[in-house]
């Protein structure tokens, strides 16, 4: 998802963010969750239960505020496209979904945008 797309589709959110953003990763980080066989570290968010990790960046947290972030979590917990969600921290989630990374980004940004209206 490009910054131009975010600016057009999510204007309420975009106006709260710095104008020099160049990529989605400054707003939201979405990574596929998988077992890393090369490490002995314990996966706190089990890849068998949650296929994606979502991190709401500090920049976004500051822009939307804690109240909106907490409301977003509540909305995601009941979202039709999320089978399971694990809220590790206010800004870090494990989710089980059939959506791809763009679909997840769209779902989260749409939820935030609706809360900012």
N, C-alpha and C. Protein backbone atom coordinates (compact mmCIF):
# COMPACT_ATOMS: atom_id res chain seq x y z
N UNK A 1 0.85 -1.16 0.00
CA UNK A 1 0.00 0.00 0.00
C UNK A 1 0.91 1.24 0.00
N UNK A 2 0.65 2.14 -0.91
CA UNK A 2 1.48 3.33 -1.04
C UNK A 2 0.99 4.45 -0.13
N UNK A 3 1.86 5.40 0.12
CA UNK A 3 1.49 6.57 0.91
C UNK A 3 0.39 7.36 0.21
N UNK A 4 0.44 7.42 -1.11
CA UNK A 4 -0.60 8.13 -1.86
C UNK A 4 -1.96 7.49 -1.64
N UNK A 5 -2.00 6.17 -1.63
CA UNK A 5 -3.25 5.45 -1.38
C UNK A 5 -3.76 5.74 0.03
N UNK A 6 -2.86 5.73 0.99
CA UNK A 6 -3.23 6.00 2.38
C UNK A 6 -3.78 7.42 2.49
N UNK A 7 -3.13 8.36 1.83
CA UNK A 7 -3.58 9.75 1.88
C UNK A 7 -4.99 9.91 1.33
N UNK A 8 -5.28 9.22 0.25
CA UNK A 8 -6.60 9.33 -0.40
C UNK A 8 -7.68 8.57 0.39
N UNK A 9 -7.38 7.34 0.80
CA UNK A 9 -8.38 6.49 1.43
C UNK A 9 -8.58 6.76 2.92
N UNK A 10 -7.59 7.33 3.57
CA UNK A 10 -7.65 7.53 5.01
C UNK A 10 -7.26 8.97 5.37
N UNK A 11 -8.02 9.94 4.91
CA UNK A 11 -7.63 11.35 5.09
C UNK A 11 -7.60 11.81 6.55
N UNK A 12 -8.51 11.33 7.38
CA UNK A 12 -8.53 11.75 8.79
C UNK A 12 -7.25 11.30 9.50
N UNK A 13 -6.83 10.08 9.23
CA UNK A 13 -5.59 9.58 9.81
C UNK A 13 -4.39 10.30 9.20
N UNK A 14 -4.39 10.44 7.90
CA UNK A 14 -3.23 11.01 7.20
C UNK A 14 -2.93 12.43 7.67
N UNK A 15 -3.96 13.21 7.93
CA UNK A 15 -3.72 14.59 8.35
C UNK A 15 -3.10 14.68 9.74
N UNK A 16 -3.17 13.60 10.53
CA UNK A 16 -2.55 13.57 11.85
C UNK A 16 -1.08 13.17 11.81
N UNK A 17 -0.64 12.65 10.68
CA UNK A 17 0.71 12.13 10.54
C UNK A 17 1.64 13.16 9.91
N UNK A 18 2.95 13.04 10.13
CA UNK A 18 3.90 13.97 9.50
C UNK A 18 3.81 13.87 7.97
N UNK A 19 4.04 14.96 7.31
CA UNK A 19 3.90 15.01 5.84
C UNK A 19 5.04 14.33 5.10
N UNK A 20 6.13 14.00 5.79
CA UNK A 20 7.28 13.41 5.10
C UNK A 20 7.31 11.87 5.14
N UNK A 21 6.19 11.24 5.43
CA UNK A 21 6.14 9.77 5.43
C UNK A 21 6.35 9.23 4.03
N UNK A 22 7.07 8.12 3.95
CA UNK A 22 7.35 7.57 2.62
C UNK A 22 6.89 6.12 2.45
N UNK A 23 6.46 5.47 3.54
CA UNK A 23 6.07 4.06 3.44
C UNK A 23 5.11 3.69 4.56
N UNK A 24 4.32 2.66 4.29
CA UNK A 24 3.36 2.14 5.26
C UNK A 24 4.03 1.75 6.57
N UNK A 25 5.24 1.22 6.50
CA UNK A 25 5.91 0.70 7.70
C UNK A 25 6.13 1.76 8.79
N UNK A 26 6.01 3.04 8.44
CA UNK A 26 6.12 4.09 9.45
C UNK A 26 4.82 4.27 10.22
N UNK A 27 3.74 3.69 9.70
CA UNK A 27 2.42 3.78 10.31
C UNK A 27 2.06 2.47 11.01
N UNK A 28 2.37 1.39 10.32
CA UNK A 28 1.90 0.06 10.70
C UNK A 28 2.89 -0.97 10.16
N UNK A 29 3.27 -1.94 10.99
CA UNK A 29 4.17 -3.00 10.55
C UNK A 29 3.41 -4.31 10.64
N UNK A 30 3.37 -5.03 9.52
CA UNK A 30 2.68 -6.32 9.45
C UNK A 30 3.69 -7.36 8.98
N UNK A 31 3.90 -8.38 9.78
CA UNK A 31 4.84 -9.44 9.44
C UNK A 31 4.17 -10.79 9.56
N UNK A 32 4.50 -11.65 8.63
CA UNK A 32 4.02 -13.02 8.74
C UNK A 32 4.70 -13.65 9.94
N UNK A 33 3.96 -14.38 10.72
CA UNK A 33 4.48 -15.04 11.92
C UNK A 33 4.80 -16.48 11.55
N UNK A 34 6.04 -16.88 11.76
CA UNK A 34 6.45 -18.24 11.41
C UNK A 34 7.47 -18.75 12.43
N UNK A 35 7.61 -20.05 12.47
CA UNK A 35 8.60 -20.66 13.35
C UNK A 35 9.98 -20.46 12.76
N UNK A 36 10.86 -19.88 13.53
CA UNK A 36 12.24 -19.69 13.09
C UNK A 36 13.07 -20.84 13.66
N UNK A 37 13.36 -21.80 12.81
CA UNK A 37 14.09 -22.99 13.25
C UNK A 37 15.55 -22.72 13.59
N UNK A 38 16.05 -21.54 13.19
CA UNK A 38 17.45 -21.20 13.43
C UNK A 38 17.69 -20.54 14.78
N UNK A 39 16.68 -20.44 15.58
CA UNK A 39 16.84 -19.80 16.89
C UNK A 39 16.22 -20.67 17.98
N UNK A 40 16.74 -20.52 19.16
CA UNK A 40 16.21 -21.25 20.31
C UNK A 40 15.22 -20.40 21.09
N UNK A 41 14.96 -19.19 20.59
CA UNK A 41 14.05 -18.30 21.30
C UNK A 41 12.62 -18.83 21.28
N UNK A 42 11.94 -18.60 22.37
CA UNK A 42 10.54 -19.00 22.50
C UNK A 42 9.66 -17.98 21.79
N UNK A 43 8.74 -18.45 20.95
CA UNK A 43 7.79 -17.56 20.28
C UNK A 43 6.64 -17.28 21.23
N UNK A 44 6.59 -16.05 21.76
CA UNK A 44 5.53 -15.66 22.69
C UNK A 44 4.17 -15.67 22.00
N UNK A 45 4.17 -15.33 20.72
CA UNK A 45 2.93 -15.36 19.94
C UNK A 45 3.08 -16.51 18.96
N UNK A 46 2.50 -17.64 19.29
CA UNK A 46 2.68 -18.89 18.57
C UNK A 46 2.22 -18.81 17.11
N UNK A 47 3.12 -19.09 16.18
CA UNK A 47 2.76 -19.05 14.76
C UNK A 47 1.66 -20.04 14.36
N UNK A 48 1.48 -21.08 15.14
CA UNK A 48 0.42 -22.03 14.82
C UNK A 48 -0.96 -21.45 15.14
N UNK A 49 -1.01 -20.49 16.06
CA UNK A 49 -2.27 -19.89 16.46
C UNK A 49 -2.53 -18.54 15.79
N UNK A 50 -1.46 -17.82 15.46
CA UNK A 50 -1.58 -16.47 14.90
C UNK A 50 -0.62 -16.34 13.72
N UNK A 51 -1.16 -16.21 12.51
CA UNK A 51 -0.30 -16.23 11.33
C UNK A 51 0.31 -14.87 10.98
N UNK A 52 -0.12 -13.78 11.63
CA UNK A 52 0.48 -12.47 11.40
C UNK A 52 0.71 -11.74 12.72
N UNK A 53 1.77 -10.95 12.72
CA UNK A 53 2.06 -10.03 13.82
C UNK A 53 1.80 -8.63 13.31
N UNK A 54 1.14 -7.82 14.11
CA UNK A 54 0.83 -6.45 13.74
C UNK A 54 1.37 -5.53 14.82
N UNK A 55 2.13 -4.54 14.38
CA UNK A 55 2.68 -3.55 15.30
C UNK A 55 2.20 -2.17 14.86
N UNK A 56 1.57 -1.45 15.76
CA UNK A 56 1.15 -0.08 15.52
C UNK A 56 2.32 0.80 15.96
N UNK A 57 2.93 1.51 15.03
CA UNK A 57 4.14 2.27 15.34
C UNK A 57 3.88 3.37 16.37
N UNK A 58 4.96 3.78 17.01
CA UNK A 58 4.87 4.84 18.00
C UNK A 58 4.34 6.13 17.37
N UNK A 59 4.74 6.39 16.15
CA UNK A 59 4.27 7.56 15.42
C UNK A 59 2.74 7.56 15.31
N UNK A 60 2.19 6.42 14.94
CA UNK A 60 0.73 6.29 14.81
C UNK A 60 0.07 6.36 16.19
N UNK A 61 0.65 5.71 17.17
CA UNK A 61 0.09 5.76 18.52
C UNK A 61 -0.03 7.19 19.02
N UNK A 62 1.01 7.97 18.82
CA UNK A 62 0.99 9.36 19.25
C UNK A 62 -0.02 10.18 18.46
N UNK A 63 -0.16 9.88 17.17
CA UNK A 63 -1.07 10.64 16.31
C UNK A 63 -2.53 10.38 16.67
N UNK A 64 -2.90 9.13 16.94
CA UNK A 64 -4.31 8.82 17.18
C UNK A 64 -4.70 8.83 18.65
N UNK A 65 -3.74 8.66 19.52
CA UNK A 65 -4.01 8.67 20.95
C UNK A 65 -4.42 7.32 21.50
N UNK A 66 -4.24 7.16 22.79
CA UNK A 66 -4.50 5.89 23.45
C UNK A 66 -5.97 5.49 23.39
N UNK A 67 -6.87 6.46 23.54
CA UNK A 67 -8.30 6.16 23.52
C UNK A 67 -8.71 5.52 22.19
N UNK A 68 -8.26 6.10 21.09
CA UNK A 68 -8.58 5.55 19.77
C UNK A 68 -7.94 4.18 19.58
N UNK A 69 -6.72 4.04 20.07
CA UNK A 69 -6.03 2.75 19.97
C UNK A 69 -6.79 1.66 20.71
N UNK A 70 -7.27 1.97 21.91
CA UNK A 70 -8.04 0.99 22.68
C UNK A 70 -9.37 0.66 22.00
N UNK A 71 -10.01 1.66 21.42
CA UNK A 71 -11.26 1.41 20.67
C UNK A 71 -10.99 0.54 19.45
N UNK A 72 -9.86 0.77 18.78
CA UNK A 72 -9.50 -0.03 17.61
C UNK A 72 -9.34 -1.50 18.00
N UNK A 73 -8.68 -1.74 19.13
CA UNK A 73 -8.49 -3.11 19.60
C UNK A 73 -9.85 -3.78 19.81
N UNK A 74 -10.78 -3.09 20.44
CA UNK A 74 -12.12 -3.64 20.66
C UNK A 74 -12.79 -3.99 19.34
N UNK A 75 -12.66 -3.11 18.35
CA UNK A 75 -13.27 -3.36 17.05
C UNK A 75 -12.62 -4.57 16.38
N UNK A 76 -11.31 -4.68 16.48
CA UNK A 76 -10.61 -5.80 15.85
C UNK A 76 -10.96 -7.13 16.51
N UNK A 77 -11.21 -7.11 17.81
CA UNK A 77 -11.56 -8.34 18.51
C UNK A 77 -12.87 -8.93 18.01
N UNK A 78 -13.71 -8.11 17.42
CA UNK A 78 -15.00 -8.58 16.90
C UNK A 78 -15.08 -8.49 15.38
N UNK A 79 -13.95 -8.26 14.72
CA UNK A 79 -13.95 -8.10 13.27
C UNK A 79 -14.19 -9.42 12.57
N UNK A 80 -15.00 -9.40 11.53
CA UNK A 80 -15.38 -10.62 10.82
C UNK A 80 -14.19 -11.32 10.13
N UNK A 81 -13.13 -10.59 9.83
CA UNK A 81 -11.99 -11.18 9.13
C UNK A 81 -10.89 -11.69 10.06
N UNK A 82 -11.09 -11.56 11.35
CA UNK A 82 -10.11 -12.04 12.32
C UNK A 82 -10.69 -13.24 13.06
N UNK A 83 -10.03 -14.39 12.89
CA UNK A 83 -10.48 -15.59 13.57
C UNK A 83 -10.07 -15.57 15.05
N UNK A 84 -8.84 -15.13 15.29
CA UNK A 84 -8.29 -15.05 16.66
C UNK A 84 -7.41 -13.81 16.73
N UNK A 85 -7.38 -13.18 17.88
CA UNK A 85 -6.46 -12.07 18.12
C UNK A 85 -5.88 -12.20 19.51
N UNK A 86 -4.60 -11.95 19.60
CA UNK A 86 -3.89 -11.95 20.87
C UNK A 86 -3.26 -10.57 21.04
N UNK A 87 -3.68 -9.85 22.04
CA UNK A 87 -3.14 -8.52 22.29
C UNK A 87 -2.00 -8.67 23.30
N UNK A 88 -0.80 -8.66 22.80
CA UNK A 88 0.38 -8.81 23.63
C UNK A 88 0.67 -7.52 24.40
N UNK A 89 0.56 -6.42 23.70
CA UNK A 89 0.75 -5.08 24.26
C UNK A 89 -0.27 -4.19 23.56
N UNK A 90 -0.41 -2.96 24.00
CA UNK A 90 -1.37 -2.07 23.38
C UNK A 90 -1.04 -1.83 21.89
N UNK A 91 0.20 -2.07 21.51
CA UNK A 91 0.64 -1.80 20.14
C UNK A 91 1.08 -3.04 19.36
N UNK A 92 0.98 -4.23 19.95
CA UNK A 92 1.46 -5.45 19.31
C UNK A 92 0.42 -6.56 19.42
N UNK A 93 0.06 -7.11 18.27
CA UNK A 93 -0.99 -8.13 18.23
C UNK A 93 -0.57 -9.31 17.38
N UNK A 94 -1.03 -10.47 17.78
CA UNK A 94 -0.97 -11.64 16.94
C UNK A 94 -2.38 -11.85 16.41
N UNK A 95 -2.51 -12.07 15.11
CA UNK A 95 -3.85 -12.32 14.56
C UNK A 95 -3.83 -13.54 13.67
N UNK A 96 -4.94 -14.23 13.66
CA UNK A 96 -5.17 -15.35 12.75
C UNK A 96 -6.22 -14.87 11.75
N UNK A 97 -5.84 -14.82 10.50
CA UNK A 97 -6.73 -14.32 9.46
C UNK A 97 -6.38 -14.93 8.12
N UNK A 98 -7.33 -14.92 7.21
CA UNK A 98 -7.06 -15.38 5.85
C UNK A 98 -6.67 -14.22 4.95
N UNK A 99 -6.68 -13.00 5.47
CA UNK A 99 -6.28 -11.83 4.70
C UNK A 99 -4.77 -11.84 4.46
N UNK A 100 -4.35 -11.17 3.39
CA UNK A 100 -2.92 -10.98 3.16
C UNK A 100 -2.49 -9.67 3.83
N UNK A 101 -1.23 -9.30 3.67
CA UNK A 101 -0.72 -8.10 4.34
C UNK A 101 -1.47 -6.84 3.93
N UNK A 102 -1.79 -6.69 2.65
CA UNK A 102 -2.54 -5.52 2.19
C UNK A 102 -3.95 -5.51 2.77
N UNK A 103 -4.56 -6.67 2.86
CA UNK A 103 -5.90 -6.78 3.44
C UNK A 103 -5.90 -6.42 4.92
N UNK A 104 -4.87 -6.85 5.63
CA UNK A 104 -4.75 -6.52 7.05
C UNK A 104 -4.54 -5.02 7.23
N UNK A 105 -3.66 -4.45 6.42
CA UNK A 105 -3.41 -3.01 6.50
C UNK A 105 -4.70 -2.24 6.24
N UNK A 106 -5.43 -2.64 5.23
CA UNK A 106 -6.68 -1.97 4.89
C UNK A 106 -7.69 -2.09 6.03
N UNK A 107 -7.80 -3.28 6.60
CA UNK A 107 -8.73 -3.51 7.71
C UNK A 107 -8.40 -2.60 8.90
N UNK A 108 -7.14 -2.54 9.27
CA UNK A 108 -6.73 -1.75 10.43
C UNK A 108 -6.87 -0.25 10.15
N UNK A 109 -6.42 0.19 8.99
CA UNK A 109 -6.51 1.62 8.67
C UNK A 109 -7.96 2.06 8.51
N UNK A 110 -8.80 1.21 7.97
CA UNK A 110 -10.23 1.53 7.84
C UNK A 110 -10.87 1.65 9.22
N UNK A 111 -10.48 0.77 10.13
CA UNK A 111 -10.99 0.82 11.50
C UNK A 111 -10.56 2.11 12.19
N UNK A 112 -9.30 2.46 12.06
CA UNK A 112 -8.81 3.71 12.66
C UNK A 112 -9.53 4.91 12.05
N UNK A 113 -9.63 4.93 10.73
CA UNK A 113 -10.28 6.05 10.04
C UNK A 113 -11.71 6.25 10.53
N UNK A 114 -12.44 5.17 10.68
CA UNK A 114 -13.83 5.25 11.15
C UNK A 114 -13.90 5.83 12.57
N UNK A 115 -12.94 5.47 13.39
CA UNK A 115 -12.92 5.98 14.77
C UNK A 115 -12.55 7.46 14.84
N UNK A 116 -11.82 7.93 13.84
CA UNK A 116 -11.41 9.34 13.82
C UNK A 116 -12.48 10.26 13.24
N UNK A 117 -13.52 9.69 12.68
CA UNK A 117 -14.59 10.50 12.07
C UNK A 117 -15.45 11.16 13.12
